């Protein structure tokens, strides 16, 4: 009966929160806690890399090279995606054997396949076979170095989830009367890009006056997603300014020129910049009622940089919409 109850808990059925749980911590969405356990530590990252072992680990060779952080060996499996790590302090009377067996059953019931499992010295190869070093490699944030000193049981499992491959590892350990379970989940997914904001570039205080005085101006407030030509909604303030300048000068005709940085081929960037310029013109005509005969457009691609393309700041200055009075 005890094993059945523990398996039900490990399958993820909710338990009341434990007062002893570390602040801000929770169970993973894939595996719940073992019966009576409390969370000692956790870490959740929307995108990170986790490293699992998939074969016995040669800790001694790392000692010989004085490089304990090396993860290039064939026994390591590195995966990127949504990462969840939770370390549990287990209730008195628990054992690494019972905990590992329950978690293995729970994983199999969810459709996971066990791809590697080991016990004590069988988890290690080479000259150093002390079980506590497995914790030092897989659970380095644990401040108790002897956590897995008496026994260490490890398993790695994987499955195809609804949104991608999922990897799960369980490291269960005994240290005299103290037992621990360390759960790590990696839900594989690509990194979300385009999160670096372009440097802020001041717009002219009076666009109408600047156009009249200089005959042209670079506008940085018209925004596009990476590799896209659709004018983003955040461009409205810049479009408002351009429409205001045109309405204030009824005889003004403007050429809209799209510019890119040097990321991509010249032909592709020329086409992209032309499409972007055309869509800026369309936004002014359709959104502000500007007479289309007052507007023309063309793409310049990467042919007319105003800054070196060897830095984020320089490339941001080159990605622009230029207005030229005709």
C-alpha atoms as a PDB file:
ATOM      1  CA  UNK A   1       0.000   0.000   0.000  1.00  0.00           C
ATOM      2  CA  UNK A   2       2.858   2.367   0.808  1.00  0.00           C
ATOM      3  CA  UNK A   3       4.357   1.973  -2.675  1.00  0.00           C
ATOM      4  CA  UNK A   4       0.968   2.593  -4.282  1.00  0.00           C
ATOM      5  CA  UNK A   5       0.448   5.812  -2.341  1.00  0.00           C
ATOM      6  CA  UNK A   6       3.955   7.003  -3.181  1.00  0.00           C
ATOM      7  CA  UNK A   7       3.445   6.270  -6.852  1.00  0.00           C
ATOM      8  CA  UNK A   8       0.201   8.270  -6.844  1.00  0.00           C
ATOM      9  CA  UNK A   9       2.045  11.242  -5.415  1.00  0.00           C
ATOM     10  CA  UNK A  10       4.907  10.940  -7.885  1.00  0.00           C
ATOM     11  CA  UNK A  11       2.447  10.854 -10.767  1.00  0.00           C
ATOM     12  CA  UNK A  12       1.708  14.472 -10.064  1.00  0.00           C
ATOM     13  CA  UNK A  13      -1.490  14.492  -8.005  1.00  0.00           C
ATOM     14  CA  UNK A  14      -1.442  17.661  -5.887  1.00  0.00           C
ATOM     15  CA  UNK A  15      -0.551  17.698  -2.224  1.00  0.00           C
ATOM     16  CA  UNK A  16      -1.009  20.544   0.197  1.00  0.00           C
ATOM     17  CA  UNK A  17       1.938  22.941   0.165  1.00  0.00           C
ATOM     18  CA  UNK A  18       4.525  22.194   2.804  1.00  0.00           C
ATOM     19  CA  UNK A  19       5.468  24.936   5.239  1.00  0.00           C
ATOM     20  CA  UNK A  20       9.075  23.846   4.869  1.00  0.00           C
ATOM     21  CA  UNK A  21       9.183  24.500   1.121  1.00  0.00           C
ATOM     22  CA  UNK A  22      11.850  26.977   0.051  1.00  0.00           C
ATOM     23  CA  UNK A  23      10.313  30.394  -0.739  1.00  0.00           C
ATOM     24  CA  UNK A  24       8.996  30.723  -4.281  1.00  0.00           C
ATOM     25  CA  UNK A  25       9.427  27.017  -5.064  1.00  0.00           C
ATOM     26  CA  UNK A  26       6.897  24.590  -6.517  1.00  0.00           C
ATOM     27  CA  UNK A  27       6.786  21.114  -8.013  1.00  0.00           C
ATOM     28  CA  UNK A  28       7.621  20.615 -11.687  1.00  0.00           C
ATOM     29  CA  UNK A  29       4.763  20.352 -14.160  1.00  0.00           C
ATOM     30  CA  UNK A  30       5.945  16.881 -15.207  1.00  0.00           C
ATOM     31  CA  UNK A  31       6.671  15.123 -11.895  1.00  0.00           C
ATOM     32  CA  UNK A  32       5.232  15.815  -8.472  1.00  0.00           C
ATOM     33  CA  UNK A  33       6.844  15.309  -5.088  1.00  0.00           C
ATOM     34  CA  UNK A  34       7.424  12.084  -3.229  1.00  0.00           C
ATOM     35  CA  UNK A  35       5.070  11.560  -0.316  1.00  0.00           C
ATOM     36  CA  UNK A  36       6.038  13.648   2.737  1.00  0.00           C
ATOM     37  CA  UNK A  37       8.862  15.512   0.943  1.00  0.00           C
ATOM     38  CA  UNK A  38       9.556  19.237   1.177  1.00  0.00           C
ATOM     39  CA  UNK A  39      11.343  21.421  -1.363  1.00  0.00           C
ATOM     40  CA  UNK A  40      14.825  22.484  -0.285  1.00  0.00           C
ATOM     41  CA  UNK A  41      15.810  24.291  -3.502  1.00  0.00           C
ATOM     42  CA  UNK A  42      14.486  24.965  -6.984  1.00  0.00           C
ATOM     43  CA  UNK A  43      15.310  26.742 -10.212  1.00  0.00           C
ATOM     44  CA  UNK A  44      13.062  27.327 -13.218  1.00  0.00           C
ATOM     45  CA  UNK A  45      14.235  28.880 -16.497  1.00  0.00           C
ATOM     46  CA  UNK A  46      12.104  29.494 -19.585  1.00  0.00           C
ATOM     47  CA  UNK A  47      15.181  28.747 -21.713  1.00  0.00           C
ATOM     48  CA  UNK A  48      18.413  27.186 -20.477  1.00  0.00           C
ATOM     49  CA  UNK A  49      20.722  24.224 -21.007  1.00  0.00           C
ATOM     50  CA  UNK A  50      20.693  21.151 -18.785  1.00  0.00           C
ATOM     51  CA  UNK A  51      23.348  18.454 -18.866  1.00  0.00           C
ATOM     52  CA  UNK A  52      22.455  14.857 -18.066  1.00  0.00           C
ATOM     53  CA  UNK A  53      24.617  11.751 -17.926  1.00  0.00           C
ATOM     54  CA  UNK A  54      23.605   8.915 -20.237  1.00  0.00           C
ATOM     55  CA  UNK A  55      26.391   6.476 -19.345  1.00  0.00           C
ATOM     56  CA  UNK A  56      28.745   5.888 -16.389  1.00  0.00           C
ATOM     57  CA  UNK A  57      30.708   9.034 -15.574  1.00  0.00           C
ATOM     58  CA  UNK A  58      34.529   9.149 -15.370  1.00  0.00           C
ATOM     59  CA  UNK A  59      35.016  11.691 -12.610  1.00  0.00           C
ATOM     60  CA  UNK A  60      38.625  10.641 -12.047  1.00  0.00           C
ATOM     61  CA  UNK A  61      39.678  11.748 -15.521  1.00  0.00           C
ATOM     62  CA  UNK A  62      38.364  15.240 -14.774  1.00  0.00           C
ATOM     63  CA  UNK A  63      40.388  15.294 -11.564  1.00  0.00           C
ATOM     64  CA  UNK A  64      43.502  14.284 -13.487  1.00  0.00           C
ATOM     65  CA  UNK A  65      42.977  17.209 -15.873  1.00  0.00           C
ATOM     66  CA  UNK A  66      41.935  19.556 -13.058  1.00  0.00           C
ATOM     67  CA  UNK A  67      38.806  20.425 -15.026  1.00  0.00           C
ATOM     68  CA  UNK A  68      35.745  19.333 -13.043  1.00  0.00           C
ATOM     69  CA  UNK A  69      33.413  21.443 -15.211  1.00  0.00           C
ATOM     70  CA  UNK A  70      34.251  19.662 -18.461  1.00  0.00           C
ATOM     71  CA  UNK A  71      31.070  18.263 -20.003  1.00  0.00           C
ATOM     72  CA  UNK A  72      32.482  17.203 -23.368  1.00  0.00           C
ATOM     73  CA  UNK A  73      32.646  13.472 -22.631  1.00  0.00           C
ATOM     74  CA  UNK A  74      30.525  10.919 -24.451  1.00  0.00           C
ATOM     75  CA  UNK A  75      28.560  10.239 -21.253  1.00  0.00           C
ATOM     76  CA  UNK A  76      27.047  13.740 -21.276  1.00  0.00           C
ATOM     77  CA  UNK A  77      23.757  14.702 -22.921  1.00  0.00           C
ATOM     78  CA  UNK A  78      23.208  18.465 -23.362  1.00  0.00           C
ATOM     79  CA  UNK A  79      19.765  19.797 -24.209  1.00  0.00           C
ATOM     80  CA  UNK A  80      18.239  23.281 -24.400  1.00  0.00           C
ATOM     81  CA  UNK A  81      14.718  24.399 -23.644  1.00  0.00           C
ATOM     82  CA  UNK A  82      12.462  25.034 -20.652  1.00  0.00           C
ATOM     83  CA  UNK A  83      14.407  23.850 -17.605  1.00  0.00           C
ATOM     84  CA  UNK A  84      13.000  22.851 -14.205  1.00  0.00           C
ATOM     85  CA  UNK A  85      15.112  21.698 -11.270  1.00  0.00           C
ATOM     86  CA  UNK A  86      13.757  20.811  -7.832  1.00  0.00           C
ATOM     87  CA  UNK A  87      15.603  19.252  -4.889  1.00  0.00           C
ATOM     88  CA  UNK A  88      13.500  17.592  -2.204  1.00  0.00           C
ATOM     89  CA  UNK A  89      14.317  16.721   1.374  1.00  0.00           C
ATOM     90  CA  UNK A  90      12.561  13.420   1.937  1.00  0.00           C
ATOM     91  CA  UNK A  91      10.618  12.418   5.012  1.00  0.00           C
ATOM     92  CA  UNK A  92      12.408  10.300   7.642  1.00  0.00           C
ATOM     93  CA  UNK A  93      12.284   6.631   6.784  1.00  0.00           C
ATOM     94  CA  UNK A  94      12.475   7.175   3.017  1.00  0.00           C
ATOM     95  CA  UNK A  95      15.196   5.443   1.027  1.00  0.00           C
ATOM     96  CA  UNK A  96      16.847   6.167  -2.301  1.00  0.00           C
ATOM     97  CA  UNK A  97      15.803   2.711  -3.521  1.00  0.00           C
ATOM     98  CA  UNK A  98      12.108   3.269  -2.804  1.00  0.00           C
ATOM     99  CA  UNK A  99      12.135   6.819  -4.158  1.00  0.00           C
ATOM    100  CA  UNK A 100      13.906   5.901  -7.403  1.00  0.00           C
ATOM    101  CA  UNK A 101      11.572   2.943  -7.977  1.00  0.00           C
ATOM    102  CA  UNK A 102       8.468   5.097  -7.495  1.00  0.00           C
ATOM    103  CA  UNK A 103       9.702   7.820  -9.806  1.00  0.00           C
ATOM    104  CA  UNK A 104      10.639   5.245 -12.433  1.00  0.00           C
ATOM    105  CA  UNK A 105       7.109   3.821 -12.299  1.00  0.00           C
ATOM    106  CA  UNK A 106       5.631   7.314 -12.496  1.00  0.00           C
ATOM    107  CA  UNK A 107       7.710   8.206 -15.553  1.00  0.00           C
ATOM    108  CA  UNK A 108       6.818   4.992 -17.360  1.00  0.00           C
ATOM    109  CA  UNK A 109       3.125   5.586 -16.665  1.00  0.00           C
ATOM    110  CA  UNK A 110       3.438   8.974 -18.383  1.00  0.00           C
ATOM    111  CA  UNK A 111       4.954   7.423 -21.508  1.00  0.00           C
ATOM    112  CA  UNK A 112       8.628   8.020 -20.766  1.00  0.00           C
ATOM    113  CA  UNK A 113      11.252   5.473 -21.770  1.00  0.00           C
ATOM    114  CA  UNK A 114      14.127   4.892 -19.328  1.00  0.00           C
ATOM    115  CA  UNK A 115      17.297   5.373 -21.384  1.00  0.00           C
ATOM    116  CA  UNK A 116      19.862   4.983 -18.593  1.00  0.00           C
ATOM    117  CA  UNK A 117      19.804   3.993 -14.952  1.00  0.00           C
ATOM    118  CA  UNK A 118      22.480   3.066 -12.439  1.00  0.00           C
ATOM    119  CA  UNK A 119      23.121   2.455  -8.755  1.00  0.00           C
ATOM    120  CA  UNK A 120      26.017   3.524  -6.537  1.00  0.00           C
ATOM    121  CA  UNK A 121      29.454   2.679  -7.990  1.00  0.00           C
ATOM    122  CA  UNK A 122      27.896   1.459 -11.239  1.00  0.00           C
ATOM    123  CA  UNK A 123      27.105   5.116 -12.014  1.00  0.00           C
ATOM    124  CA  UNK A 124      30.827   5.838 -12.197  1.00  0.00           C
ATOM    125  CA  UNK A 125      33.806   4.520 -14.071  1.00  0.00           C
ATOM    126  CA  UNK A 126      37.534   5.112 -13.846  1.00  0.00           C
ATOM    127  CA  UNK A 127      39.629   5.602 -10.709  1.00  0.00           C
ATOM    128  CA  UNK A 128      37.156   7.538  -8.529  1.00  0.00           C
ATOM    129  CA  UNK A 129      33.995   5.599  -7.612  1.00  0.00           C
ATOM    130  CA  UNK A 130      32.734   7.419  -4.495  1.00  0.00           C
ATOM    131  CA  UNK A 131      28.998   7.914  -4.891  1.00  0.00           C
ATOM    132  CA  UNK A 132      28.931  11.464  -3.505  1.00  0.00           C
ATOM    133  CA  UNK A 133      30.799  12.779  -6.575  1.00  0.00           C
ATOM    134  CA  UNK A 134      27.729  12.022  -8.695  1.00  0.00           C
ATOM    135  CA  UNK A 135      25.933  14.708  -6.715  1.00  0.00           C
ATOM    136  CA  UNK A 136      28.834  17.111  -7.166  1.00  0.00           C
ATOM    137  CA  UNK A 137      28.508  16.733 -10.938  1.00  0.00           C
ATOM    138  CA  UNK A 138      24.721  16.623 -11.329  1.00  0.00           C
ATOM    139  CA  UNK A 139      23.636  18.657  -8.291  1.00  0.00           C
ATOM    140  CA  UNK A 140      26.424  21.259  -7.941  1.00  0.00           C
ATOM    141  CA  UNK A 141      24.213  23.852  -6.218  1.00  0.00           C
ATOM    142  CA  UNK A 142      23.747  21.543  -3.239  1.00  0.00           C
ATOM    143  CA  UNK A 143      25.732  22.951  -0.310  1.00  0.00           C
ATOM    144  CA  UNK A 144      25.757  19.574   1.479  1.00  0.00           C
ATOM    145  CA  UNK A 145      28.609  17.732  -0.212  1.00  0.00           C
ATOM    146  CA  UNK A 146      27.824  14.352   1.384  1.00  0.00           C
ATOM    147  CA  UNK A 147      24.163  14.225   0.264  1.00  0.00           C
ATOM    148  CA  UNK A 148      24.691  11.136  -1.899  1.00  0.00           C
ATOM    149  CA  UNK A 149      27.510   9.577   0.141  1.00  0.00           C
ATOM    150  CA  UNK A 150      25.838   6.329   1.287  1.00  0.00           C
ATOM    151  CA  UNK A 151      23.765   5.555  -1.794  1.00  0.00           C
ATOM    152  CA  UNK A 152      23.144   7.208  -5.163  1.00  0.00           C
ATOM    153  CA  UNK A 153      20.526   6.041  -7.640  1.00  0.00           C
ATOM    154  CA  UNK A 154      20.118   7.784 -10.969  1.00  0.00           C
ATOM    155  CA  UNK A 155      17.846   7.434 -13.958  1.00  0.00           C
ATOM    156  CA  UNK A 156      17.377   9.327 -17.219  1.00  0.00           C
ATOM    157  CA  UNK A 157      14.127   9.128 -19.161  1.00  0.00           C
ATOM    158  CA  UNK A 158      12.781  10.761 -22.319  1.00  0.00           C
ATOM    159  CA  UNK A 159       9.616  10.979 -24.375  1.00  0.00           C
ATOM    160  CA  UNK A 160       8.054  12.883 -27.262  1.00  0.00           C
ATOM    161  CA  UNK A 161       5.810  15.504 -25.689  1.00  0.00           C
ATOM    162  CA  UNK A 162       3.029  17.525 -27.378  1.00  0.00           C
ATOM    163  CA  UNK A 163       5.394  20.415 -28.108  1.00  0.00           C
ATOM    164  CA  UNK A 164       8.755  18.607 -28.352  1.00  0.00           C
ATOM    165  CA  UNK A 165      11.090  16.098 -26.733  1.00  0.00           C
ATOM    166  CA  UNK A 166      11.093  15.981 -22.932  1.00  0.00           C
ATOM    167  CA  UNK A 167      13.972  14.729 -20.783  1.00  0.00           C
ATOM    168  CA  UNK A 168      13.687  13.875 -17.093  1.00  0.00           C
ATOM    169  CA  UNK A 169      16.311  12.748 -14.608  1.00  0.00           C
ATOM    170  CA  UNK A 170      15.995  11.615 -11.009  1.00  0.00           C
ATOM    171  CA  UNK A 171      18.959  11.496  -8.645  1.00  0.00           C
ATOM    172  CA  UNK A 172      18.053   9.939  -5.294  1.00  0.00           C
ATOM    173  CA  UNK A 173      20.556   9.707  -2.474  1.00  0.00           C
ATOM    174  CA  UNK A 174      21.023   8.621   1.120  1.00  0.00           C
ATOM    175  CA  UNK A 175      23.388  10.189   3.653  1.00  0.00           C
ATOM    176  CA  UNK A 176      23.044   8.386   6.989  1.00  0.00           C
ATOM    177  CA  UNK A 177      19.466   9.232   8.116  1.00  0.00           C
ATOM    178  CA  UNK A 178      18.970  11.919   5.467  1.00  0.00           C
ATOM    179  CA  UNK A 179      17.524  11.200   1.998  1.00  0.00           C
ATOM    180  CA  UNK A 180      17.246  13.482  -1.028  1.00  0.00           C
ATOM    181  CA  UNK A 181      15.598  13.466  -4.445  1.00  0.00           C
ATOM    182  CA  UNK A 182      16.777  15.829  -7.181  1.00  0.00           C
ATOM    183  CA  UNK A 183      14.420  16.158 -10.176  1.00  0.00           C
ATOM    184  CA  UNK A 184      15.456  17.823 -13.429  1.00  0.00           C
ATOM    185  CA  UNK A 185      13.146  18.329 -16.415  1.00  0.00           C
ATOM    186  CA  UNK A 186      14.110  19.724 -19.818  1.00  0.00           C
ATOM    187  CA  UNK A 187      11.304  20.437 -22.301  1.00  0.00           C
ATOM    188  CA  UNK A 188      13.119  20.928 -25.569  1.00  0.00           C
ATOM    189  CA  UNK A 189      12.203  24.040 -27.547  1.00  0.00           C
ATOM    190  CA  UNK A 190      13.960  26.675 -29.678  1.00  0.00           C
ATOM    191  CA  UNK A 191      15.120  29.928 -28.144  1.00  0.00           C
ATOM    192  CA  UNK A 192      12.966  32.985 -28.720  1.00  0.00           C
ATOM    193  CA  UNK A 193      15.007  35.492 -30.697  1.00  0.00           C
ATOM    194  CA  UNK A 194      14.674  39.207 -31.395  1.00  0.00           C
ATOM    195  CA  UNK A 195      14.809  40.116 -27.705  1.00  0.00           C
ATOM    196  CA  UNK A 196      17.639  42.636 -27.995  1.00  0.00           C
ATOM    197  CA  UNK A 197      16.218  46.127 -28.219  1.00  0.00           C
ATOM    198  CA  UNK A 198      17.793  48.503 -30.680  1.00  0.00           C
ATOM    199  CA  UNK A 199      19.647  51.459 -29.175  1.00  0.00           C
ATOM    200  CA  UNK A 200      17.417  54.489 -28.705  1.00  0.00           C
ATOM    201  CA  UNK A 201      18.001  57.036 -31.463  1.00  0.00           C
ATOM    202  CA  UNK A 202      16.453  60.442 -30.951  1.00  0.00           C
ATOM    203  CA  UNK A 203      13.877  61.530 -33.522  1.00  0.00           C
ATOM    204  CA  UNK A 204      13.876  65.117 -34.836  1.00  0.00           C
ATOM    205  CA  UNK A 205      11.949  67.465 -32.556  1.00  0.00           C
ATOM    206  CA  UNK A 206      10.074  68.935 -35.513  1.00  0.00           C
ATOM    207  CA  UNK A 207       9.998  66.602 -38.498  1.00  0.00           C
ATOM    208  CA  UNK A 208       8.343  69.183 -40.768  1.00  0.00           C
ATOM    209  CA  UNK A 209      10.990  71.828 -40.054  1.00  0.00           C
ATOM    210  CA  UNK A 210      13.831  69.303 -40.437  1.00  0.00           C
ATOM    211  CA  UNK A 211      12.547  68.182 -43.836  1.00  0.00           C
ATOM    212  CA  UNK A 212      12.207  71.761 -45.020  1.00  0.00           C
ATOM    213  CA  UNK A 213      15.682  72.731 -43.800  1.00  0.00           C
ATOM    214  CA  UNK A 214      17.653  69.588 -44.674  1.00  0.00           C
ATOM    215  CA  UNK A 215      15.582  68.031 -47.456  1.00  0.00           C
ATOM    216  CA  UNK A 216      15.837  64.566 -45.906  1.00  0.00           C
ATOM    217  CA  UNK A 217      15.709  62.821 -42.538  1.00  0.00           C
ATOM    218  CA  UNK A 218      16.299  59.330 -41.154  1.00  0.00           C
ATOM    219  CA  UNK A 219      13.369  57.914 -39.190  1.00  0.00           C
ATOM    220  CA  UNK A 220      13.987  55.127 -36.640  1.00  0.00           C
ATOM    221  CA  UNK A 221      10.551  54.837 -35.107  1.00  0.00           C
ATOM    222  CA  UNK A 222       9.094  52.740 -37.924  1.00  0.00           C
ATOM    223  CA  UNK A 223       9.524  49.172 -36.738  1.00  0.00           C
ATOM    224  CA  UNK A 224       9.468  45.726 -38.336  1.00  0.00           C
ATOM    225  CA  UNK A 225       9.989  42.259 -36.946  1.00  0.00           C
ATOM    226  CA  UNK A 226      13.212  40.531 -37.968  1.00  0.00           C
ATOM    227  CA  UNK A 227      13.145  39.522 -41.636  1.00  0.00           C
ATOM    228  CA  UNK A 228       9.575  40.858 -42.024  1.00  0.00           C
ATOM    229  CA  UNK A 229       8.076  43.753 -43.996  1.00  0.00           C
ATOM    230  CA  UNK A 230       4.867  44.395 -42.019  1.00  0.00           C
ATOM    231  CA  UNK A 231       4.848  47.769 -40.259  1.00  0.00           C
ATOM    232  CA  UNK A 232       4.402  47.091 -36.534  1.00  0.00           C
ATOM    233  CA  UNK A 233       1.694  48.811 -34.470  1.00  0.00           C
ATOM    234  CA  UNK A 234       4.427  50.420 -32.343  1.00  0.00           C
ATOM    235  CA  UNK A 235       5.291  52.563 -35.406  1.00  0.00           C
ATOM    236  CA  UNK A 236       2.209  54.747 -34.982  1.00  0.00           C
ATOM    237  CA  UNK A 237       3.969  57.720 -33.291  1.00  0.00           C
ATOM    238  CA  UNK A 238       6.473  57.955 -36.166  1.00  0.00           C
ATOM    239  CA  UNK A 239       3.737  57.606 -38.783  1.00  0.00           C
ATOM    240  CA  UNK A 240       1.735  60.299 -36.962  1.00  0.00           C
ATOM    241  CA  UNK A 241       4.718  62.664 -37.258  1.00  0.00           C
ATOM    242  CA  UNK A 242       5.186  61.982 -40.978  1.00  0.00           C
ATOM    243  CA  UNK A 243       1.492  62.501 -41.700  1.00  0.00           C
ATOM    244  CA  UNK A 244       1.525  65.702 -39.649  1.00  0.00           C
ATOM    245  CA  UNK A 245       4.475  67.041 -41.677  1.00  0.00           C
ATOM    246  CA  UNK A 246       2.734  66.197 -44.965  1.00  0.00           C
ATOM    247  CA  UNK A 247      -0.515  67.815 -43.871  1.00  0.00           C
ATOM    248  CA  UNK A 248       1.355  70.930 -42.741  1.00  0.00           C
ATOM    249  CA  UNK A 249       3.015  71.183 -46.177  1.00  0.00           C
ATOM    250  CA  UNK A 250       0.383  70.351 -48.809  1.00  0.00           C
ATOM    251  CA  UNK A 251       2.811  70.757 -51.701  1.00  0.00           C
ATOM    252  CA  UNK A 252       5.466  68.464 -50.195  1.00  0.00           C
ATOM    253  CA  UNK A 253       6.228  65.210 -51.972  1.00  0.00           C
ATOM    254  CA  UNK A 254       8.287  62.547 -50.235  1.00  0.00           C
ATOM    255  CA  UNK A 255      10.325  59.601 -51.389  1.00  0.00           C
ATOM    256  CA  UNK A 256      10.392  56.803 -48.778  1.00  0.00           C
ATOM    257  CA  UNK A 257      13.641  54.810 -48.874  1.00  0.00           C
ATOM    258  CA  UNK A 258      14.140  51.590 -46.923  1.00  0.00           C
ATOM    259  CA  UNK A 259      17.607  50.715 -45.594  1.00  0.00           C
ATOM    260  CA  UNK A 260      18.926  47.543 -43.940  1.00  0.00           C
ATOM    261  CA  UNK A 261      22.107  46.490 -42.193  1.00  0.00           C
ATOM    262  CA  UNK A 262      24.497  43.958 -43.761  1.00  0.00           C
ATOM    263  CA  UNK A 263      22.869  40.828 -42.326  1.00  0.00           C
ATOM    264  CA  UNK A 264      21.814  38.798 -45.359  1.00  0.00           C
ATOM    265  CA  UNK A 265      22.636  38.867 -49.065  1.00  0.00           C
ATOM    266  CA  UNK A 266      22.589  42.144 -51.033  1.00  0.00           C
ATOM    267  CA  UNK A 267      19.772  41.000 -53.327  1.00  0.00           C
ATOM    268  CA  UNK A 268      17.609  39.798 -50.455  1.00  0.00           C
ATOM    269  CA  UNK A 269      18.118  43.012 -48.476  1.00  0.00           C
ATOM    270  CA  UNK A 270      17.335  45.136 -51.515  1.00  0.00           C
ATOM    271  CA  UNK A 271      14.013  43.330 -51.939  1.00  0.00           C
ATOM    272  CA  UNK A 272      13.226  43.440 -48.194  1.00  0.00           C
ATOM    273  CA  UNK A 273      13.950  47.165 -47.943  1.00  0.00           C
ATOM    274  CA  UNK A 274      11.780  47.881 -51.000  1.00  0.00           C
ATOM    275  CA  UNK A 275       8.861  45.933 -49.519  1.00  0.00           C
ATOM    276  CA  UNK A 276       9.236  47.761 -46.230  1.00  0.00           C
ATOM    277  CA  UNK A 277       9.263  51.167 -47.943  1.00  0.00           C
ATOM    278  CA  UNK A 278       6.159  50.206 -49.937  1.00  0.00           C
ATOM    279  CA  UNK A 279       4.333  49.234 -46.759  1.00  0.00           C
ATOM    280  CA  UNK A 280       5.248  52.525 -45.074  1.00  0.00           C
ATOM    281  CA  UNK A 281       3.724  54.336 -48.056  1.00  0.00           C
ATOM    282  CA  UNK A 282       0.631  52.135 -47.855  1.00  0.00           C
ATOM    283  CA  UNK A 283       0.290  52.851 -44.133  1.00  0.00           C
ATOM    284  CA  UNK A 284       0.333  56.620 -44.778  1.00  0.00           C
ATOM    285  CA  UNK A 285      -2.193  56.336 -47.593  1.00  0.00           C
ATOM    286  CA  UNK A 286      -4.523  53.891 -45.912  1.00  0.00           C
ATOM    287  CA  UNK A 287      -4.234  55.114 -42.347  1.00  0.00           C
ATOM    288  CA  UNK A 288      -3.959  58.871 -42.803  1.00  0.00           C
ATOM    289  CA  UNK A 289      -5.540  59.591 -46.174  1.00  0.00           C
ATOM    290  CA  UNK A 290      -2.335  60.903 -47.757  1.00  0.00           C
ATOM    291  CA  UNK A 291      -2.670  61.299 -51.532  1.00  0.00           C
ATOM    292  CA  UNK A 292      -0.574  58.451 -53.021  1.00  0.00           C
ATOM    293  CA  UNK A 293       0.649  60.801 -55.781  1.00  0.00           C
ATOM    294  CA  UNK A 294       2.647  62.651 -53.093  1.00  0.00           C
ATOM    295  CA  UNK A 295       4.593  59.538 -52.159  1.00  0.00           C
ATOM    296  CA  UNK A 296       7.121  57.339 -53.912  1.00  0.00           C
ATOM    297  CA  UNK A 297       9.280  54.588 -52.474  1.00  0.00           C
ATOM    298  CA  UNK A 298      12.319  52.466 -53.169  1.00  0.00           C
ATOM    299  CA  UNK A 299      14.712  50.116 -51.396  1.00  0.00           C
ATOM    300  CA  UNK A 300      18.402  50.773 -50.882  1.00  0.00           C
ATOM    301  CA  UNK A 301      19.157  47.568 -49.001  1.00  0.00           C
ATOM    302  CA  UNK A 302      22.622  47.624 -47.474  1.00  0.00           C
ATOM    303  CA  UNK A 303      24.149  49.923 -50.124  1.00  0.00           C
ATOM    304  CA  UNK A 304      24.100  53.190 -48.127  1.00  0.00           C
ATOM    305  CA  UNK A 305      25.242  52.555 -44.543  1.00  0.00           C
ATOM    306  CA  UNK A 306      25.746  55.552 -42.278  1.00  0.00           C
ATOM    307  CA  UNK A 307      27.668  53.593 -39.618  1.00  0.00           C
ATOM    308  CA  UNK A 308      29.956  50.539 -39.515  1.00  0.00           C
ATOM    309  CA  UNK A 309      28.082  47.244 -39.484  1.00  0.00           C
ATOM    310  CA  UNK A 310      30.476  45.681 -36.953  1.00  0.00           C
ATOM    311  CA  UNK A 311      28.387  46.395 -33.846  1.00  0.00           C
ATOM    312  CA  UNK A 312      24.752  46.262 -32.707  1.00  0.00           C
ATOM    313  CA  UNK A 313      24.728  50.042 -32.408  1.00  0.00           C
ATOM    314  CA  UNK A 314      26.060  50.539 -35.940  1.00  0.00           C
ATOM    315  CA  UNK A 315      23.654  48.051 -37.469  1.00  0.00           C
ATOM    316  CA  UNK A 316      20.741  49.692 -35.624  1.00  0.00           C
ATOM    317  CA  UNK A 317      21.655  53.049 -37.185  1.00  0.00           C
ATOM    318  CA  UNK A 318      21.747  51.486 -40.643  1.00  0.00           C
ATOM    319  CA  UNK A 319      18.294  49.903 -40.265  1.00  0.00           C
ATOM    320  CA  UNK A 320      16.160  52.946 -40.995  1.00  0.00           C
ATOM    321  CA  UNK A 321      13.534  54.578 -43.147  1.00  0.00           C
ATOM    322  CA  UNK A 322      14.774  57.675 -44.936  1.00  0.00           C
ATOM    323  CA  UNK A 323      12.451  60.461 -46.083  1.00  0.00           C
ATOM    324  CA  UNK A 324      13.628  62.643 -48.978  1.00  0.00           C
ATOM    325  CA  UNK A 325      11.771  65.755 -50.183  1.00  0.00           C
ATOM    326  CA  UNK A 326      11.081  65.584 -53.937  1.00  0.00           C
END
